[in-house]
Amino acid sequence: VESGGGLVQPGGSLRLSCVASGSFFNFVVLDWYRQAPGKQRE
C-alpha cells in the first residue's frame, strides 16, 4: 500500500511510502516503478 503522492511544483519534493504485509519483507528486493501516460512502466 503506497501513500504520499500529490501535486508539486517543479523543483519541489515528495516522499512516497509503501507498507507491506507479510513476513517476507526482510528477505526480498524492493522496487519503485513508475508509469507515465503513454509510456512503458520503468
Full PDB file with SEQRES, HELIX, SHEET, SSBOND, CRYST1, ORIGX, SCALE, CONECT and MASTER records, all heavy atoms in Angstrom:
SEQRES   1 A   42  VAL GLU SER GLY GLY GLY LEU VAL GLN PRO GLY GLY SER          
SEQRES   2 A   42  LEU ARG LEU SER CYS VAL ALA SER GLY SER PHE PHE ASN          
SEQRES   3 A   42  PHE VAL VAL LEU ASP TRP TYR ARG GLN ALA PRO GLY LYS          
SEQRES   4 A   42  GLN ARG GLU                                                  
HELIX    1 AA1 PHE A   25  PHE A   27  5                                   3    
SHEET    1 AA1 2 GLU A   2  SER A   3  0                                        
SHEET    2 AA1 2 SER A  17  CYS A  18 -1                                        
CRYST1    1.000    1.000    1.000  90.00  90.00  90.00 P 1           1          
ORIGX1      1.000000  0.000000  0.000000        0.00000                         
ORIGX2      0.000000  1.000000  0.000000        0.00000                         
ORIGX3      0.000000  0.000000  1.000000        0.00000                         
SCALE1      1.000000  0.000000  0.000000        0.00000                         
SCALE2      0.000000  1.000000  0.000000        0.00000                         
SCALE3      0.000000  0.000000  1.000000        0.00000                         
ATOM      1  N   VAL A   1       0.854  -1.194   0.000  1.00  0.00           N  
ATOM      2  CA  VAL A   1       0.000   0.000   0.000  1.00  0.00           C  
ATOM      3  C   VAL A   1       0.884   1.236   0.000  1.00  0.00           C  
ATOM      4  O   VAL A   1       1.633   1.481   0.958  1.00  0.00           O  
ATOM      5  CB  VAL A   1      -0.942   0.022   1.222  1.00  0.00           C  
ATOM      6  CG1 VAL A   1      -1.809   1.276   1.176  1.00  0.00           C  
ATOM      7  CG2 VAL A   1      -1.796  -1.233   1.253  1.00  0.00           C  
ATOM      8  N   GLU A   2       0.770   2.021  -1.079  1.00  0.00           N  
ATOM      9  CA  GLU A   2       1.569   3.236  -1.208  1.00  0.00           C  
ATOM     10  C   GLU A   2       0.800   4.456  -0.700  1.00  0.00           C  
ATOM     11  O   GLU A   2      -0.438   4.476  -0.706  1.00  0.00           O  
ATOM     12  CB  GLU A   2       1.948   3.497  -2.675  1.00  0.00           C  
ATOM     13  CG  GLU A   2       2.734   2.406  -3.356  1.00  0.00           C  
ATOM     14  CD  GLU A   2       1.860   1.517  -4.196  1.00  0.00           C  
ATOM     15  OE1 GLU A   2       0.638   1.459  -3.928  1.00  0.00           O  
ATOM     16  OE2 GLU A   2       2.373   0.882  -5.139  1.00  0.00           O  
ATOM     17  N   SER A   3       1.561   5.470  -0.346  1.00  0.00           N  
ATOM     18  CA  SER A   3       0.983   6.761   0.023  1.00  0.00           C  
ATOM     19  C   SER A   3       2.012   7.845  -0.243  1.00  0.00           C  
ATOM     20  O   SER A   3       3.202   7.557  -0.446  1.00  0.00           O  
ATOM     21  CB  SER A   3       0.574   6.773   1.497  1.00  0.00           C  
ATOM     22  OG  SER A   3       1.692   6.569   2.327  1.00  0.00           O  
ATOM     23  N   GLY A   4       1.547   9.090  -0.269  1.00  0.00           N  
ATOM     24  CA  GLY A   4       2.469  10.212  -0.357  1.00  0.00           C  
ATOM     25  C   GLY A   4       2.503  10.934  -1.675  1.00  0.00           C  
ATOM     26  O   GLY A   4       3.219  11.932  -1.813  1.00  0.00           O  
ATOM     27  N   GLY A   5       1.758  10.489  -2.669  1.00  0.00           N  
ATOM     28  CA  GLY A   5       1.746  11.191  -3.947  1.00  0.00           C  
ATOM     29  C   GLY A   5       0.993  12.507  -3.850  1.00  0.00           C  
ATOM     30  O   GLY A   5       0.426  12.856  -2.818  1.00  0.00           O  
ATOM     31  N   GLY A   6       1.011  13.247  -4.966  1.00  0.00           N  
ATOM     32  CA  GLY A   6       0.292  14.509  -4.994  1.00  0.00           C  
ATOM     33  C   GLY A   6       0.780  15.408  -6.100  1.00  0.00           C  
ATOM     34  O   GLY A   6       1.528  14.987  -6.992  1.00  0.00           O  
ATOM     35  N   LEU A   7       0.361  16.673  -6.007  1.00  0.00           N  
ATOM     36  CA  LEU A   7       0.747  17.697  -6.977  1.00  0.00           C  
ATOM     37  C   LEU A   7       1.842  18.565  -6.367  1.00  0.00           C  
ATOM     38  O   LEU A   7       1.700  19.047  -5.237  1.00  0.00           O  
ATOM     39  CB  LEU A   7      -0.466  18.550  -7.333  1.00  0.00           C  
ATOM     40  CG  LEU A   7      -0.219  19.782  -8.210  1.00  0.00           C  
ATOM     41  CD1 LEU A   7       0.287  19.366  -9.587  1.00  0.00           C  
ATOM     42  CD2 LEU A   7      -1.496  20.608  -8.319  1.00  0.00           C  
ATOM     43  N   VAL A   8       2.911  18.774  -7.109  1.00  0.00           N  
ATOM     44  CA  VAL A   8       4.028  19.585  -6.615  1.00  0.00           C  
ATOM     45  C   VAL A   8       4.584  20.404  -7.767  1.00  0.00           C  
ATOM     46  O   VAL A   8       4.513  19.988  -8.933  1.00  0.00           O  
ATOM     47  CB  VAL A   8       5.115  18.673  -5.989  1.00  0.00           C  
ATOM     48  CG1 VAL A   8       5.721  17.749  -7.017  1.00  0.00           C  
ATOM     49  CG2 VAL A   8       6.179  19.482  -5.278  1.00  0.00           C  
ATOM     50  N   GLN A   9       5.118  21.572  -7.450  1.00  0.00           N  
ATOM     51  CA  GLN A   9       5.715  22.420  -8.475  1.00  0.00           C  
ATOM     52  C   GLN A   9       7.098  21.902  -8.850  1.00  0.00           C  
ATOM     53  O   GLN A   9       7.764  21.229  -8.044  1.00  0.00           O  
ATOM     54  CB  GLN A   9       5.818  23.846  -7.961  1.00  0.00           C  
ATOM     55  CG  GLN A   9       4.483  24.535  -7.781  1.00  0.00           C  
ATOM     56  CD  GLN A   9       4.637  25.991  -7.408  1.00  0.00           C  
ATOM     57  OE1 GLN A   9       5.688  26.436  -6.975  1.00  0.00           O  
ATOM     58  NE2 GLN A   9       3.563  26.750  -7.593  1.00  0.00           N  
ATOM     59  N   PRO A  10       7.549  22.207 -10.048  1.00  0.00           N  
ATOM     60  CA  PRO A  10       8.913  21.831 -10.436  1.00  0.00           C  
ATOM     61  C   PRO A  10       9.924  22.343  -9.408  1.00  0.00           C  
ATOM     62  O   PRO A  10       9.817  23.477  -8.925  1.00  0.00           O  
ATOM     63  CB  PRO A  10       9.094  22.513 -11.789  1.00  0.00           C  
ATOM     64  CG  PRO A  10       7.707  22.585 -12.348  1.00  0.00           C  
ATOM     65  CD  PRO A  10       6.824  22.857 -11.166  1.00  0.00           C  
ATOM     66  N   GLY A  11      10.870  21.475  -9.081  1.00  0.00           N  
ATOM     67  CA  GLY A  11      11.859  21.796  -8.065  1.00  0.00           C  
ATOM     68  C   GLY A  11      11.456  21.395  -6.664  1.00  0.00           C  
ATOM     69  O   GLY A  11      12.278  21.436  -5.746  1.00  0.00           O  
ATOM     70  N   GLY A  12      10.226  20.982  -6.498  1.00  0.00           N  
ATOM     71  CA  GLY A  12       9.731  20.583  -5.192  1.00  0.00           C  
ATOM     72  C   GLY A  12      10.089  19.159  -4.826  1.00  0.00           C  
ATOM     73  O   GLY A  12      10.801  18.468  -5.568  1.00  0.00           O  
ATOM     74  N   SER A  13       9.575  18.730  -3.676  1.00  0.00           N  
ATOM     75  CA  SER A  13       9.892  17.407  -3.140  1.00  0.00           C  
ATOM     76  C   SER A  13       8.626  16.685  -2.705  1.00  0.00           C  
ATOM     77  O   SER A  13       7.637  17.314  -2.326  1.00  0.00           O  
ATOM     78  CB  SER A  13      10.830  17.533  -1.928  1.00  0.00           C  
ATOM     79  OG  SER A  13      12.052  18.134  -2.272  1.00  0.00           O  
ATOM     80  N   LEU A  14       8.696  15.371  -2.775  1.00  0.00           N  
ATOM     81  CA  LEU A  14       7.657  14.496  -2.238  1.00  0.00           C  
ATOM     82  C   LEU A  14       8.339  13.270  -1.650  1.00  0.00           C  
ATOM     83  O   LEU A  14       9.424  12.867  -2.112  1.00  0.00           O  
ATOM     84  CB  LEU A  14       6.670  14.051  -3.318  1.00  0.00           C  
ATOM     85  CG  LEU A  14       5.611  15.031  -3.798  1.00  0.00           C  
ATOM     86  CD1 LEU A  14       4.847  14.427  -4.973  1.00  0.00           C  
ATOM     87  CD2 LEU A  14       4.649  15.392  -2.675  1.00  0.00           C  
ATOM     88  N   ARG A  15       7.670  12.677  -0.677  1.00  0.00           N  
ATOM     89  CA  ARG A  15       8.160  11.416  -0.108  1.00  0.00           C  
ATOM     90  C   ARG A  15       7.054  10.382  -0.228  1.00  0.00           C  
ATOM     91  O   ARG A  15       5.958  10.569   0.305  1.00  0.00           O  
ATOM     92  CB  ARG A  15       8.565  11.588   1.349  1.00  0.00           C  
ATOM     93  CG  ARG A  15       9.177  10.335   1.966  1.00  0.00           C  
ATOM     94  CD  ARG A  15       9.648  10.591   3.385  1.00  0.00           C  
ATOM     95  NE  ARG A  15      10.247   9.433   4.005  1.00  0.00           N  
ATOM     96  CZ  ARG A  15      11.528   9.097   3.870  1.00  0.00           C  
ATOM     97  NH1 ARG A  15      12.336   9.862   3.145  1.00  0.00           N  
ATOM     98  NH2 ARG A  15      12.000   8.011   4.473  1.00  0.00           N  
ATOM     99  N   LEU A  16       7.362   9.297  -0.920  1.00  0.00           N  
ATOM    100  CA  LEU A  16       6.434   8.186  -1.069  1.00  0.00           C  
ATOM    101  C   LEU A  16       6.788   7.096  -0.069  1.00  0.00           C  
ATOM    102  O   LEU A  16       7.973   6.858   0.207  1.00  0.00           O  
ATOM    103  CB  LEU A  16       6.502   7.606  -2.481  1.00  0.00           C  
ATOM    104  CG  LEU A  16       6.313   8.588  -3.645  1.00  0.00           C  
ATOM    105  CD1 LEU A  16       6.353   7.825  -4.963  1.00  0.00           C  
ATOM    106  CD2 LEU A  16       5.039   9.367  -3.505  1.00  0.00           C  
ATOM    107  N   SER A  17       5.763   6.442   0.441  1.00  0.00           N  
ATOM    108  CA  SER A  17       5.967   5.317   1.340  1.00  0.00           C  
ATOM    109  C   SER A  17       5.147   4.132   0.876  1.00  0.00           C  
ATOM    110  O   SER A  17       4.078   4.302   0.281  1.00  0.00           O  
ATOM    111  CB  SER A  17       5.562   5.688   2.769  1.00  0.00           C  
ATOM    112  OG  SER A  17       6.422   6.667   3.309  1.00  0.00           O  
ATOM    113  N   CYS A  18       5.645   2.954   1.162  1.00  0.00           N  
ATOM    114  CA  CYS A  18       4.953   1.711   0.814  1.00  0.00           C  
ATOM    115  C   CYS A  18       5.059   0.775   2.019  1.00  0.00           C  
ATOM    116  O   CYS A  18       6.163   0.428   2.439  1.00  0.00           O  
ATOM    117  CB  CYS A  18       5.594   1.086  -0.415  1.00  0.00           C  
ATOM    118  SG  CYS A  18       4.957  -0.544  -0.846  1.00  0.00           S  
ATOM    119  N   VAL A  19       3.899   0.389   2.514  1.00  0.00           N  
ATOM    120  CA  VAL A  19       3.854  -0.547   3.645  1.00  0.00           C  
ATOM    121  C   VAL A  19       3.450  -1.914   3.115  1.00  0.00           C  
ATOM    122  O   VAL A  19       2.464  -2.041   2.379  1.00  0.00           O  
ATOM    123  CB  VAL A  19       2.865  -0.070   4.714  1.00  0.00           C  
ATOM    124  CG1 VAL A  19       2.827  -1.055   5.867  1.00  0.00           C  
ATOM    125  CG2 VAL A  19       3.255   1.313   5.209  1.00  0.00           C  
ATOM    126  N   ALA A  20       4.197  -2.930   3.516  1.00  0.00           N  
ATOM    127  CA  ALA A  20       3.959  -4.281   3.039  1.00  0.00           C  
ATOM    128  C   ALA A  20       3.441  -5.174   4.146  1.00  0.00           C  
ATOM    129  O   ALA A  20       3.878  -5.084   5.299  1.00  0.00           O  
ATOM    130  CB  ALA A  20       5.250  -4.867   2.480  1.00  0.00           C  
ATOM    131  N   SER A  21       2.516  -6.059   3.794  1.00  0.00           N  
ATOM    132  CA  SER A  21       2.048  -7.071   4.732  1.00  0.00           C  
ATOM    133  C   SER A  21       2.894  -8.325   4.567  1.00  0.00           C  
ATOM    134  O   SER A  21       3.570  -8.490   3.557  1.00  0.00           O  
ATOM    135  CB  SER A  21       0.589  -7.409   4.462  1.00  0.00           C  
ATOM    136  OG  SER A  21       0.455  -7.982   3.170  1.00  0.00           O  
ATOM    137  N   GLY A  22       2.849  -9.213   5.519  1.00  0.00           N  
ATOM    138  CA  GLY A  22       3.525 -10.491   5.364  1.00  0.00           C  
ATOM    139  C   GLY A  22       4.898 -10.534   5.994  1.00  0.00           C  
ATOM    140  O   GLY A  22       5.486  -9.507   6.310  1.00  0.00           O  
ATOM    141  N   SER A  23       5.399 -11.740   6.153  1.00  0.00           N  
ATOM    142  CA  SER A  23       6.666 -11.953   6.844  1.00  0.00           C  
ATOM    143  C   SER A  23       7.853 -12.032   5.902  1.00  0.00           C  
ATOM    144  O   SER A  23       8.947 -12.347   6.307  1.00  0.00           O  
ATOM    145  CB  SER A  23       6.598 -13.243   7.663  1.00  0.00           C  
ATOM    146  OG  SER A  23       6.340 -14.342   6.796  1.00  0.00           O  
ATOM    147  N   PHE A  24       7.642 -11.742   4.636  1.00  0.00           N  
ATOM    148  CA  PHE A  24       8.689 -11.866   3.629  1.00  0.00           C  
ATOM    149  C   PHE A  24       9.618 -10.662   3.575  1.00  0.00           C  
ATOM    150  O   PHE A  24      10.677 -10.699   2.959  1.00  0.00           O  
ATOM    151  CB  PHE A  24       8.028 -11.997   2.253  1.00  0.00           C  
ATOM    152  CG  PHE A  24       7.217 -10.783   1.863  1.00  0.00           C  
ATOM    153  CD1 PHE A  24       7.805  -9.694   1.234  1.00  0.00           C  
ATOM    154  CD2 PHE A  24       5.876 -10.712   2.183  1.00  0.00           C  
ATOM    155  CE1 PHE A  24       7.065  -8.566   0.894  1.00  0.00           C  
ATOM    156  CE2 PHE A  24       5.119  -9.592   1.852  1.00  0.00           C  
ATOM    157  CZ  PHE A  24       5.710  -8.526   1.212  1.00  0.00           C  
ATOM    158  N   PHE A  25       9.212  -9.563   4.198  1.00  0.00           N  
ATOM    159  CA  PHE A  25       9.785  -8.260   3.889  1.00  0.00           C  
ATOM    160  C   PHE A  25      11.303  -8.227   4.017  1.00  0.00           C  
ATOM    161  O   PHE A  25      12.007  -7.672   3.171  1.00  0.00           O  
ATOM    162  CB  PHE A  25       9.159  -7.198   4.791  1.00  0.00           C  
ATOM    163  CG  PHE A  25       9.486  -5.783   4.379  1.00  0.00           C  
ATOM    164  CD1 PHE A  25       8.715  -5.151   3.425  1.00  0.00           C  
ATOM    165  CD2 PHE A  25      10.557  -5.113   4.937  1.00  0.00           C  
ATOM    166  CE1 PHE A  25       9.006  -3.854   3.035  1.00  0.00           C  
ATOM    167  CE2 PHE A  25      10.864  -3.817   4.548  1.00  0.00           C  
ATOM    168  CZ  PHE A  25      10.077  -3.192   3.599  1.00  0.00           C  
ATOM    169  N   ASN A  26      11.815  -8.834   5.102  1.00  0.00           N  
ATOM    170  CA  ASN A  26      13.253  -8.735   5.345  1.00  0.00           C  
ATOM    171  C   ASN A  26      14.095  -9.465   4.317  1.00  0.00           C  
ATOM    172  O   ASN A  26      15.308  -9.264   4.268  1.00  0.00           O  
ATOM    173  CB  ASN A  26      13.582  -9.310   6.730  1.00  0.00           C  
ATOM    174  CG  ASN A  26      13.057  -8.430   7.836  1.00  0.00           C  
ATOM    175  OD1 ASN A  26      12.374  -7.441   7.594  1.00  0.00           O  
ATOM    176  ND2 ASN A  26      13.368  -8.797   9.063  1.00  0.00           N  
ATOM    177  N   PHE A  27      13.481 -10.308   3.493  1.00  0.00           N  
ATOM    178  CA  PHE A  27      14.258 -11.214   2.659  1.00  0.00           C  
ATOM    179  C   PHE A  27      14.210 -10.902   1.171  1.00  0.00           C  
ATOM    180  O   PHE A  27      14.678 -11.683   0.362  1.00  0.00           O  
ATOM    181  CB  PHE A  27      13.754 -12.645   2.880  1.00  0.00           C  
ATOM    182  CG  PHE A  27      13.717 -13.035   4.323  1.00  0.00           C  
ATOM    183  CD1 PHE A  27      12.519 -13.057   5.016  1.00  0.00           C  
ATOM    184  CD2 PHE A  27      14.881 -13.343   4.998  1.00  0.00           C  
ATOM    185  CE1 PHE A  27      12.479 -13.391   6.352  1.00  0.00           C  
ATOM    186  CE2 PHE A  27      14.850 -13.688   6.340  1.00  0.00           C  
ATOM    187  CZ  PHE A  27      13.647 -13.711   7.017  1.00  0.00           C  
ATOM    188  N   VAL A  28      13.649  -9.772   0.809  1.00  0.00           N  
ATOM    189  CA  VAL A  28      13.427  -9.531  -0.611  1.00  0.00           C  
ATOM    190  C   VAL A  28      14.019  -8.217  -1.085  1.00  0.00           C  
ATOM    191  O   VAL A  28      14.333  -7.315  -0.303  1.00  0.00           O  
ATOM    192  CB  VAL A  28      11.921  -9.543  -0.937  1.00  0.00           C  
ATOM    193  CG1 VAL A  28      11.312 -10.890  -0.595  1.00  0.00           C  
ATOM    194  CG2 VAL A  28      11.194  -8.423  -0.191  1.00  0.00           C  
ATOM    195  N   VAL A  29      14.112  -8.156  -2.419  1.00  0.00           N  
ATOM    196  CA  VAL A  29      14.454  -6.919  -3.101  1.00  0.00           C  
ATOM    197  C   VAL A  29      13.174  -6.120  -3.316  1.00  0.00           C  
ATOM    198  O   VAL A  29      12.143  -6.670  -3.705  1.00  0.00           O  
ATOM    199  CB  VAL A  29      15.109  -7.240  -4.466  1.00  0.00           C  
ATOM    200  CG1 VAL A  29      15.354  -5.959  -5.257  1.00  0.00           C  
ATOM    201  CG2 VAL A  29      16.399  -8.012  -4.267  1.00  0.00           C  
ATOM    202  N   LEU A  30      13.254  -4.835  -3.048  1.00  0.00           N  
ATOM    203  CA  LEU A  30      12.099  -3.951  -3.185  1.00  0.00           C  
ATOM    204  C   LEU A  30      12.357  -2.920  -4.276  1.00  0.00           C  
ATOM    205  O   LEU A  30      13.462  -2.368  -4.359  1.00  0.00           O  
ATOM    206  CB  LEU A  30      11.836  -3.241  -1.864  1.00  0.00           C  
ATOM    207  CG  LEU A  30      11.475  -4.175  -0.711  1.00  0.00           C  
ATOM    208  CD1 LEU A  30      11.713  -3.512   0.622  1.00  0.00           C  
ATOM    209  CD2 LEU A  30      10.040  -4.640  -0.830  1.00  0.00           C  
ATOM    210  N   ASP A  31      11.355  -2.687  -5.072  1.00  0.00           N  
ATOM    211  CA  ASP A  31      11.484  -1.771  -6.212  1.00  0.00           C  
ATOM    212  C   ASP A  31      10.423  -0.676  -6.158  1.00  0.00           C  
ATOM    213  O   ASP A  31       9.304  -0.904  -5.695  1.00  0.00           O  
ATOM    214  CB  ASP A  31      11.280  -2.523  -7.539  1.00  0.00           C  
ATOM    215  CG  ASP A  31      12.286  -3.610  -7.760  1.00  0.00           C  
ATOM    216  OD1 ASP A  31      13.463  -3.402  -7.425  1.00  0.00           O  
ATOM    217  OD2 ASP A  31      11.886  -4.674  -8.266  1.00  0.00           O  
ATOM    218  N   TRP A  32      10.797   0.472  -6.676  1.00  0.00           N  
ATOM    219  CA  TRP A  32       9.827   1.507  -7.031  1.00  0.00           C  
ATOM    220  C   TRP A  32       9.813   1.621  -8.556  1.00  0.00           C  
ATOM    221  O   TRP A  32      10.856   1.820  -9.180  1.00  0.00           O  
ATOM    222  CB  TRP A  32      10.197   2.862  -6.424  1.00  0.00           C  
ATOM    223  CG  TRP A  32       9.803   3.023  -4.998  1.00  0.00           C  
ATOM    224  CD1 TRP A  32      10.613   2.891  -3.894  1.00  0.00           C  
ATOM    225  CD2 TRP A  32       8.502   3.336  -4.501  1.00  0.00           C  
ATOM    226  NE1 TRP A  32       9.888   3.111  -2.758  1.00  0.00           N  
ATOM    227  CE2 TRP A  32       8.593   3.386  -3.094  1.00  0.00           C  
ATOM    228  CE3 TRP A  32       7.265   3.588  -5.102  1.00  0.00           C  
ATOM    229  CZ2 TRP A  32       7.492   3.677  -2.282  1.00  0.00           C  
ATOM    230  CZ3 TRP A  32       6.177   3.880  -4.295  1.00  0.00           C  
ATOM    231  CH2 TRP A  32       6.294   3.922  -2.908  1.00  0.00           C  
ATOM    232  N   TYR A  33       8.623   1.499  -9.110  1.00  0.00           N  
ATOM    233  CA  TYR A  33       8.412   1.667 -10.544  1.00  0.00           C  
ATOM    234  C   TYR A  33       7.590   2.929 -10.771  1.00  0.00           C  
ATOM    235  O   TYR A  33       6.921   3.441  -9.865  1.00  0.00           O  
ATOM    236  CB  TYR A  33       7.631   0.487 -11.127  1.00  0.00           C  
ATOM    237  CG  TYR A  33       8.423  -0.750 -11.412  1.00  0.00           C  
ATOM    238  CD1 TYR A  33       8.824  -1.599 -10.383  1.00  0.00           C  
ATOM    239  CD2 TYR A  33       8.764  -1.100 -12.714  1.00  0.00           C  
ATOM    240  CE1 TYR A  33       9.540  -2.755 -10.650  1.00  0.00           C  
ATOM    241  CE2 TYR A  33       9.471  -2.255 -12.992  1.00  0.00           C  
ATOM    242  CZ  TYR A  33       9.850  -3.089 -11.956  1.00  0.00           C  
ATOM    243  OH  TYR A  33      10.557  -4.223 -12.231  1.00  0.00           O  
ATOM    244  N   ARG A  34       7.576   3.385 -12.011  1.00  0.00           N  
ATOM    245  CA  ARG A  34       6.660   4.454 -12.401  1.00  0.00           C  
ATOM    246  C   ARG A  34       6.202   4.223 -13.829  1.00  0.00           C  
ATOM    247  O   ARG A  34       6.903   3.599 -14.633  1.00  0.00           O  
ATOM    248  CB  ARG A  34       7.301   5.836 -12.266  1.00  0.00           C  
ATOM    249  CG  ARG A  34       8.409   6.129 -13.250  1.00  0.00           C  
ATOM    250  CD  ARG A  34       9.021   7.493 -12.961  1.00  0.00           C  
ATOM    251  NE  ARG A  34      10.115   7.809 -13.867  1.00  0.00           N  
ATOM    252  CZ  ARG A  34      10.908   8.866 -13.737  1.00  0.00           C  
ATOM    253  NH1 ARG A  34      10.718   9.725 -12.707  1.00  0.00           N  
ATOM    254  NH2 ARG A  34      11.873   9.095 -14.605  1.00  0.00           N  
ATOM    255  N   GLN A  35       5.010   4.732 -14.107  1.00  0.00           N  
ATOM    256  CA  GLN A  35       4.481   4.660 -15.460  1.00  0.00           C  
ATOM    257  C   GLN A  35       3.822   5.984 -15.799  1.00  0.00           C  
ATOM    258  O   GLN A  35       2.846   6.383 -15.151  1.00  0.00           O  
ATOM    259  CB  GLN A  35       3.490   3.511 -15.610  1.00  0.00           C  
ATOM    260  CG  GLN A  35       3.019   3.309 -17.043  1.00  0.00           C  
ATOM    261  CD  GLN A  35       2.294   2.011 -17.246  1.00  0.00           C  
ATOM    262  OE1 GLN A  35       1.722   1.439 -16.324  1.00  0.00           O  
ATOM    263  NE2 GLN A  35       2.280   1.527 -18.488  1.00  0.00           N  
ATOM    264  N   ALA A  36       4.375   6.640 -16.790  1.00  0.00           N  
ATOM    265  CA  ALA A  36       3.820   7.900 -17.285  1.00  0.00           C  
ATOM    266  C   ALA A  36       2.815   7.604 -18.382  1.00  0.00           C  
ATOM    267  O   ALA A  36       2.886   6.551 -19.036  1.00  0.00           O  
ATOM    268  CB  ALA A  36       4.939   8.788 -17.809  1.00  0.00           C  
ATOM    269  N   PRO A  37       1.887   8.518 -18.628  1.00  0.00           N  
ATOM    270  CA  PRO A  37       0.889   8.297 -19.683  1.00  0.00           C  
ATOM    271  C   PRO A  37       1.548   8.027 -21.032  1.00  0.00           C  
ATOM    272  O   PRO A  37       2.440   8.762 -21.462  1.00  0.00           O  
ATOM    273  CB  PRO A  37       0.113   9.613 -19.699  1.00  0.00           C  
ATOM    274  CG  PRO A  37       0.273  10.169 -18.332  1.00  0.00           C  
ATOM    275  CD  PRO A  37       1.657   9.772 -17.902  1.00  0.00           C  
ATOM    276  N   GLY A  38       1.110   6.936 -21.672  1.00  0.00           N  
ATOM    277  CA  GLY A  38       1.623   6.599 -22.990  1.00  0.00           C  
ATOM    278  C   GLY A  38       3.007   5.987 -23.006  1.00  0.00           C  
ATOM    279  O   GLY A  38       3.571   5.761 -24.080  1.00  0.00           O  
ATOM    280  N   LYS A  39       3.550   5.704 -21.817  1.00  0.00           N  
ATOM    281  CA  LYS A  39       4.896   5.131 -21.750  1.00  0.00           C  
ATOM    282  C   LYS A  39       4.881   3.803 -21.015  1.00  0.00           C  
ATOM    283  O   LYS A  39       3.947   3.499 -20.282  1.00  0.00           O  
ATOM    284  CB  LYS A  39       5.850   6.111 -21.048  1.00  0.00           C  
ATOM    285  CG  LYS A  39       6.086   7.400 -21.817  1.00  0.00           C  
ATOM    286  CD  LYS A  39       7.174   8.225 -21.165  1.00  0.00           C  
ATOM    287  CE  LYS A  39       7.461   9.475 -21.974  1.00  0.00           C  
ATOM    288  NZ  LYS A  39       8.548  10.289 -21.357  1.00  0.00           N  
ATOM    289  N   GLN A  40       5.945   3.041 -21.215  1.00  0.00           N  
ATOM    290  CA  GLN A  40       6.083   1.765 -20.516  1.00  0.00           C  
ATOM    291  C   GLN A  40       6.466   1.996 -19.057  1.00  0.00           C  
ATOM    292  O   GLN A  40       7.118   2.990 -18.716  1.00  0.00           O  
ATOM    293  CB  GLN A  40       7.145   0.904 -21.205  1.00  0.00           C  
ATOM    294  CG  GLN A  40       6.704   0.331 -22.546  1.00  0.00           C  
ATOM    295  CD  GLN A  40       7.670  -0.723 -23.062  1.00  0.00           C  
ATOM    296  OE1 GLN A  40       8.861  -0.669 -22.753  1.00  0.00           O  
ATOM    297  NE2 GLN A  40       7.171  -1.670 -23.830  1.00  0.00           N  
ATOM    298  N   ARG A  41       6.086   1.059 -18.221  1.00  0.00           N  
ATOM    299  CA  ARG A  41       6.483   1.099 -16.819  1.00  0.00           C  
ATOM    300  C   ARG A  41       7.990   0.910 -16.728  1.00  0.00           C  
ATOM    301  O   ARG A  41       8.564   0.081 -17.456  1.00  0.00           O  
ATOM    302  CB  ARG A  41       5.760   0.009 -16.055  1.00  0.00           C  
ATOM    303  CG  ARG A  41       6.000   0.000 -14.568  1.00  0.00           C  
ATOM    304  CD  ARG A  41       5.222  -1.150 -13.947  1.00  0.00           C  
ATOM    305  NE  ARG A  41       3.802  -0.860 -13.846  1.00  0.00           N  
ATOM    306  CZ  ARG A  41       2.879  -1.786 -13.598  1.00  0.00           C  
ATOM    307  NH1 ARG A  41       3.230  -3.038 -13.446  1.00  0.00           N  
ATOM    308  NH2 ARG A  41       1.617  -1.437 -13.497  1.00  0.00           N  
ATOM    309  N   GLU A  42       8.624   1.661 -15.857  1.00  0.00           N  
ATOM    310  CA  GLU A  42      10.068   1.555 -15.696  1.00  0.00           C  
ATOM    311  C   GLU A  42      10.418   1.539 -14.208  1.00  0.00           C  
ATOM    312  O   GLU A  42       9.733   2.163 -13.392  1.00  0.00           O  
ATOM    313  CB  GLU A  42      10.772   2.750 -16.367  1.00  0.00           C  
ATOM    314  CG  GLU A  42      10.390   4.098 -15.809  1.00  0.00           C  
ATOM    315  CD  GLU A  42      11.112   5.252 -16.489  1.00  0.00           C  
ATOM    316  OE1 GLU A  42      11.942   5.017 -17.381  1.00  0.00           O  
ATOM    317  OE2 GLU A  42      10.842   6.406 -16.112  1.00  0.00           O  
TER     318      GLU A  42                                                      
MASTER        0    0    0    1    2    0    0    6  317    1    0    4          
END                                                                             
